[in-house]
C-alpha atoms as a PDB file:
ATOM      1  CA  MET A   1      61.178  14.205 -32.490  1.00  0.00           C
ATOM      2  CA  SER A   2      57.713  15.747 -31.952  1.00  0.00           C
ATOM      3  CA  LYS A   3      56.491  14.593 -34.963  1.00  0.00           C
ATOM      4  CA  ILE A   4      57.382  10.795 -34.304  1.00  0.00           C
ATOM      5  CA  PHE A   5      55.897  11.309 -30.848  1.00  0.00           C
ATOM      6  CA  ALA A   6      52.389  12.765 -32.308  1.00  0.00           C
ATOM      7  CA  LEU A   7      52.709   9.648 -34.839  1.00  0.00           C
ATOM      8  CA  MET A   8      53.104   6.931 -32.003  1.00  0.00           C
ATOM      9  CA  THR A   9      50.579   8.288 -30.099  1.00  0.00           C
ATOM     10  CA  LEU A  10      47.962   8.498 -32.747  1.00  0.00           C
ATOM     11  CA  LEU A  11      49.051   4.928 -33.794  1.00  0.00           C
ATOM     12  CA  ILE A  12      48.459   3.726 -30.066  1.00  0.00           C
ATOM     13  CA  ALA A  13      45.072   5.554 -29.899  1.00  0.00           C
ATOM     14  CA  ILE A  14      43.984   3.596 -33.321  1.00  0.00           C
ATOM     15  CA  LEU A  15      45.172   0.481 -31.977  1.00  0.00           C
ATOM     16  CA  ALA A  16      43.257   1.044 -28.684  1.00  0.00           C
ATOM     17  CA  LEU A  17      40.021   2.225 -30.598  1.00  0.00           C
ATOM     18  CA  GLY A  18      40.217  -1.141 -32.582  1.00  0.00           C
ATOM     19  CA  SER A  19      40.518  -3.316 -29.838  1.00  0.00           C
ATOM     20  CA  VAL A  20      37.530  -1.963 -28.030  1.00  0.00           C
ATOM     21  CA  SER A  21      35.376  -1.837 -31.083  1.00  0.00           C
ATOM     22  CA  ALA A  22      36.401  -5.553 -31.403  1.00  0.00           C
ATOM     23  CA  ILE A  23      35.210  -6.458 -27.812  1.00  0.00           C
ATOM     24  CA  VAL A  24      31.891  -4.232 -28.095  1.00  0.00           C
ATOM     25  CA  PRO A  25      28.895  -6.360 -29.250  1.00  0.00           C
ATOM     26  CA  ALA A  26      26.794  -5.093 -32.384  1.00  0.00           C
ATOM     27  CA  CYS A  27      23.800  -2.948 -31.599  1.00  0.00           C
ATOM     28  CA  GLY A  28      20.553  -4.462 -32.325  1.00  0.00           C
ATOM     29  CA  LEU A  29      20.026  -6.675 -29.030  1.00  0.00           C
ATOM     30  CA  ASN A  30      16.547  -7.817 -28.182  1.00  0.00           C
ATOM     31  CA  CYS A  31      14.713  -5.479 -26.063  1.00  0.00           C
ATOM     32  CA  ASP A  32      13.314  -6.113 -22.803  1.00  0.00           C
ATOM     33  CA  GLU A  33       9.570  -5.289 -22.636  1.00  0.00           C
ATOM     34  CA  LEU A  34       7.500  -4.173 -19.664  1.00  0.00           C
ATOM     35  CA  THR A  35       4.096  -2.855 -19.094  1.00  0.00           C
ATOM     36  CA  THR A  36       3.063  -0.259 -16.753  1.00  0.00           C
ATOM     37  CA  VAL A  37      -0.342   0.760 -15.508  1.00  0.00           C
ATOM     38  CA  GLY A  38      -0.814   3.907 -13.443  1.00  0.00           C
ATOM     39  CA  GLY A  39      -3.184   6.683 -12.764  1.00  0.00           C
ATOM     40  CA  THR A  40      -4.675   8.737  -9.944  1.00  0.00           C
ATOM     41  CA  ILE A  41      -6.902   7.718  -7.302  1.00  0.00           C
ATOM     42  CA  TYR A  42      -9.381  10.576  -6.436  1.00  0.00           C
ATOM     43  CA  GLN A  43     -12.717  11.796  -4.998  1.00  0.00           C
ATOM     44  CA  ASP A  44     -15.260  13.729  -6.767  1.00  0.00           C
ATOM     45  CA  SER A  45     -12.604  15.693  -9.036  1.00  0.00           C
ATOM     46  CA  ILE A  46      -9.125  14.807 -10.068  1.00  0.00           C
ATOM     47  CA  ALA A  47      -7.787  17.689  -7.860  1.00  0.00           C
ATOM     48  CA  ASN A  48      -9.128  15.933  -4.785  1.00  0.00           C
ATOM     49  CA  VAL A  49      -6.511  13.255  -4.491  1.00  0.00           C
ATOM     50  CA  ILE A  50      -6.581  10.335  -2.096  1.00  0.00           C
ATOM     51  CA  GLU A  51      -3.430   9.382  -0.457  1.00  0.00           C
ATOM     52  CA  GLY A  52      -3.102   5.989   1.190  1.00  0.00           C
ATOM     53  CA  ALA A  53      -5.713   3.787  -1.174  1.00  0.00           C
ATOM     54  CA  ASP A  54      -5.272   0.340  -2.074  1.00  0.00           C
ATOM     55  CA  VAL A  55      -4.966  -0.347  -5.431  1.00  0.00           C
ATOM     56  CA  GLU A  56      -5.346  -3.702  -7.189  1.00  0.00           C
ATOM     57  CA  VAL A  57      -4.665  -3.875 -10.950  1.00  0.00           C
ATOM     58  CA  GLU A  58      -5.949  -7.157 -12.889  1.00  0.00           C
ATOM     59  CA  CYS A  59      -4.727  -7.790 -16.548  1.00  0.00           C
ATOM     60  CA  ASN A  60      -5.097 -11.073 -18.012  1.00  0.00           C
ATOM     61  CA  GLY A  61      -5.734 -12.941 -14.735  1.00  0.00           C
ATOM     62  CA  ASN A  62      -2.804 -11.427 -13.359  1.00  0.00           C
ATOM     63  CA  THR A  63      -2.960  -9.058 -10.470  1.00  0.00           C
ATOM     64  CA  GLU A  64      -0.727  -6.560  -8.974  1.00  0.00           C
ATOM     65  CA  THR A  65      -1.181  -4.157  -5.953  1.00  0.00           C
ATOM     66  CA  ALA A  66      -0.205  -0.746  -4.928  1.00  0.00           C
ATOM     67  CA  THR A  67      -0.619   2.223  -2.476  1.00  0.00           C
ATOM     68  CA  SER A  68      -1.653   5.561  -3.856  1.00  0.00           C
ATOM     69  CA  ASP A  69       0.929   8.024  -2.707  1.00  0.00           C
ATOM     70  CA  ALA A  70       0.634  11.677  -1.459  1.00  0.00           C
ATOM     71  CA  ASN A  71      -0.365  12.958  -4.974  1.00  0.00           C
ATOM     72  CA  GLY A  72      -2.791  10.169  -5.319  1.00  0.00           C
ATOM     73  CA  ALA A  73      -0.885   8.639  -7.794  1.00  0.00           C
ATOM     74  CA  TYR A  74      -0.261   4.673  -8.402  1.00  0.00           C
ATOM     75  CA  SER A  75       1.705   2.402 -10.469  1.00  0.00           C
ATOM     76  CA  VAL A  76       2.310  -1.080 -11.235  1.00  0.00           C
ATOM     77  CA  VAL A  77       4.518  -3.270 -13.394  1.00  0.00           C
ATOM     78  CA  PHE A  78       3.634  -6.334 -15.449  1.00  0.00           C
ATOM     79  CA  GLU A  79       6.109  -8.579 -17.449  1.00  0.00           C
ATOM     80  CA  LYS A  80       5.386  -8.571 -21.081  1.00  0.00           C
ATOM     81  CA  ASP A  81       3.883 -12.103 -21.236  1.00  0.00           C
ATOM     82  CA  GLU A  82       1.310 -10.962 -18.351  1.00  0.00           C
ATOM     83  CA  CYS A  83       0.179  -7.578 -19.883  1.00  0.00           C
ATOM     84  CA  ALA A  84       0.889  -6.477 -23.206  1.00  0.00           C
ATOM     85  CA  LEU A  85       0.156  -3.680 -25.852  1.00  0.00           C
ATOM     86  CA  GLY A  86      -3.858  -3.679 -26.584  1.00  0.00           C
ATOM     87  CA  ASP A  87      -4.981  -5.671 -23.436  1.00  0.00           C
ATOM     88  CA  ASN A  88      -7.370  -4.261 -21.114  1.00  0.00           C
ATOM     89  CA  VAL A  89      -6.783  -3.518 -17.642  1.00  0.00           C
ATOM     90  CA  THR A  90      -9.328  -3.388 -14.397  1.00  0.00           C
ATOM     91  CA  VAL A  91      -8.458  -1.295 -11.402  1.00  0.00           C
ATOM     92  CA  HIS A  92      -9.976  -1.447  -8.101  1.00  0.00           C
ATOM     93  CA  ALA A  93      -9.307   0.931  -5.479  1.00  0.00           C
ATOM     94  CA  GLU A  94     -10.453   1.366  -1.544  1.00  0.00           C
ATOM     95  CA  LYS A  95      -9.743   3.481   1.183  1.00  0.00           C
ATOM     96  CA  GLY A  96     -11.912   3.279   4.250  1.00  0.00           C
ATOM     97  CA  SER A  97     -15.502   3.584   3.131  1.00  0.00           C
ATOM     98  CA  LEU A  98     -14.730   4.840  -0.300  1.00  0.00           C
ATOM     99  CA  THR A  99     -14.240   2.212  -3.416  1.00  0.00           C
ATOM    100  CA  GLY A 100     -14.162   2.589  -6.953  1.00  0.00           C
ATOM    101  CA  SER A 101     -13.209   1.004  -9.930  1.00  0.00           C
ATOM    102  CA  ASN A 102     -12.616   1.780 -13.584  1.00  0.00           C
ATOM    103  CA  GLU A 103     -11.304  -0.091 -16.901  1.00  0.00           C
ATOM    104  CA  GLY A 104      -8.952   1.101 -19.333  1.00  0.00           C
ATOM    105  CA  SER A 105      -6.246  -0.456 -21.874  1.00  0.00           C
ATOM    106  CA  ILE A 106      -2.614  -0.737 -22.673  1.00  0.00           C
ATOM    107  CA  ASP A 107      -2.630   1.712 -25.509  1.00  0.00           C
ATOM    108  CA  MET A 108       0.792   3.497 -25.698  1.00  0.00           C
ATOM    109  CA  THR A 109       4.293   2.288 -26.258  1.00  0.00           C
ATOM    110  CA  TYR A 110       7.505   3.969 -25.743  1.00  0.00           C
ATOM    111  CA  HIS A 111      10.993   2.598 -27.121  1.00  0.00           C
ATOM    112  CA  TYR A 112      14.005   3.419 -25.181  1.00  0.00           C
ATOM    113  CA  ASN A 113      17.540   3.194 -26.409  1.00  0.00           C
ATOM    114  CA  ILE A 114      20.147   3.337 -23.321  1.00  0.00           C
ATOM    115  CA  GLY A 115      23.281   3.489 -25.580  1.00  0.00           C
ATOM    116  CA  CYS A 116      24.067   0.332 -27.963  1.00  0.00           C
ATOM    117  CA  PHE A 117      23.887  -2.210 -25.086  1.00  0.00           C
ATOM    118  CA  CYS A 118      20.310  -2.047 -23.534  1.00  0.00           C
ATOM    119  CA  CYS A 119      16.689  -1.071 -24.947  1.00  0.00           C
ATOM    120  CA  LEU A 120      13.306  -0.950 -23.492  1.00  0.00           C
ATOM    121  CA  ASP A 121       9.981  -1.231 -24.967  1.00  0.00           C
ATOM    122  CA  LEU A 122       7.611   0.175 -22.512  1.00  0.00           C
ATOM    123  CA  ASN A 123       3.844  -0.471 -22.843  1.00  0.00           C
ATOM    124  CA  VAL A 124       1.752   2.107 -21.041  1.00  0.00           C
ATOM    125  CA  GLY A 125      -1.972   2.216 -19.816  1.00  0.00           C
ATOM    126  CA  ILE A 126      -3.542   5.201 -17.635  1.00  0.00           C
ATOM    127  CA  VAL A 127      -6.241   4.430 -15.647  1.00  0.00           C
ATOM    128  CA  ASN A 128      -7.907   6.765 -13.220  1.00  0.00           C
ATOM    129  CA  VAL A 129     -10.056   5.680 -10.666  1.00  0.00           C
ATOM    130  CA  PRO A 130     -12.926   7.911  -8.862  1.00  0.00           C
ATOM    131  CA  LEU A 131     -13.877   6.801  -5.303  1.00  0.00           C
ATOM    132  CA  ILE A 132     -17.304   7.249  -4.026  1.00  0.00           C
ATOM    133  CA  PRO A 133     -18.347   6.639  -0.643  1.00  0.00           C
ATOM    134  CA  GLU A 134     -20.348   3.175   0.172  1.00  0.00           C
ATOM    135  CA  PHE A 135     -23.795   3.517   1.534  1.00  0.00           C
ATOM    136  CA  GLY A 136     -24.447   1.343   4.350  1.00  0.00           C
ATOM    137  CA  ILE A 137     -27.897  -1.014   5.026  1.00  0.00           C
ATOM    138  CA  VAL A 138     -29.416   1.785   7.163  1.00  0.00           C
ATOM    139  CA  ILE A 139     -28.758   4.437   4.346  1.00  0.00           C
ATOM    140  CA  GLY A 140     -29.585   2.345   1.402  1.00  0.00           C
ATOM    141  CA  ALA A 141     -32.722   1.224   3.134  1.00  0.00           C
ATOM    142  CA  LEU A 142     -33.930   4.762   3.917  1.00  0.00           C
ATOM    143  CA  THR A 143     -33.104   5.860   0.485  1.00  0.00           C
ATOM    144  CA  ALA A 144     -35.497   3.285  -0.945  1.00  0.00           C
ATOM    145  CA  LEU A 145     -38.253   3.995   1.548  1.00  0.00           C
ATOM    146  CA  SER A 146     -37.957   7.651   0.779  1.00  0.00           C
ATOM    147  CA  ALA A 147     -38.281   6.876  -2.874  1.00  0.00           C
ATOM    148  CA  ILE A 148     -41.231   4.685  -2.470  1.00  0.00           C
ATOM    149  CA  GLY A 149     -42.785   7.217   0.073  1.00  0.00           C
ATOM    150  CA  ILE A 150     -42.274  10.179  -2.680  1.00  0.00           C
ATOM    151  CA  PHE A 151     -43.902   7.632  -5.270  1.00  0.00           C
ATOM    152  CA  PHE A 152     -47.114   7.406  -3.440  1.00  0.00           C
ATOM    153  CA  PHE A 153     -47.220  11.099  -2.410  1.00  0.00           C
ATOM    154  CA  VAL A 154     -46.944  12.486  -5.991  1.00  0.00           C
ATOM    155  CA  ARG A 155     -49.337   9.653  -7.127  1.00  0.00           C
ATOM    156  CA  LYS A 156     -51.878  10.750  -4.425  1.00  0.00           C
ATOM    157  CA  LYS A 157     -52.189  14.301  -6.107  1.00  0.00           C
END
């Protein structure tokens, strides 16, 4: 009796597995493709991060915005038709009187399989942006006048 029960259980398991495999689509579905650009906003050195900077990332005329977090990190995501592997990006950042910009390219790609149902090609660009203080009109004028004064002082001797 136990042999018949084991045989029936095995037969039911085979039939159930066969019907499930008939429902599951084959692997090799088209992957979604996204591009992410990220980096760190900092002043002077990468260890001196800037939190709360407004960041604007431009790729092929498309713009995405973000705000840097407590670690100075930012990231934005573009669709594959907006920004792809090999494209150049420009990142502008600003916080108060600190501004900066830097350029980079989308130069890495990662392929993720999530089971047999979903996959993702992720293109990645890393662009770190150093912020520098803006000089106001008064400071700029004083710098220029100082340079002219030093020129004449050195020339006089």
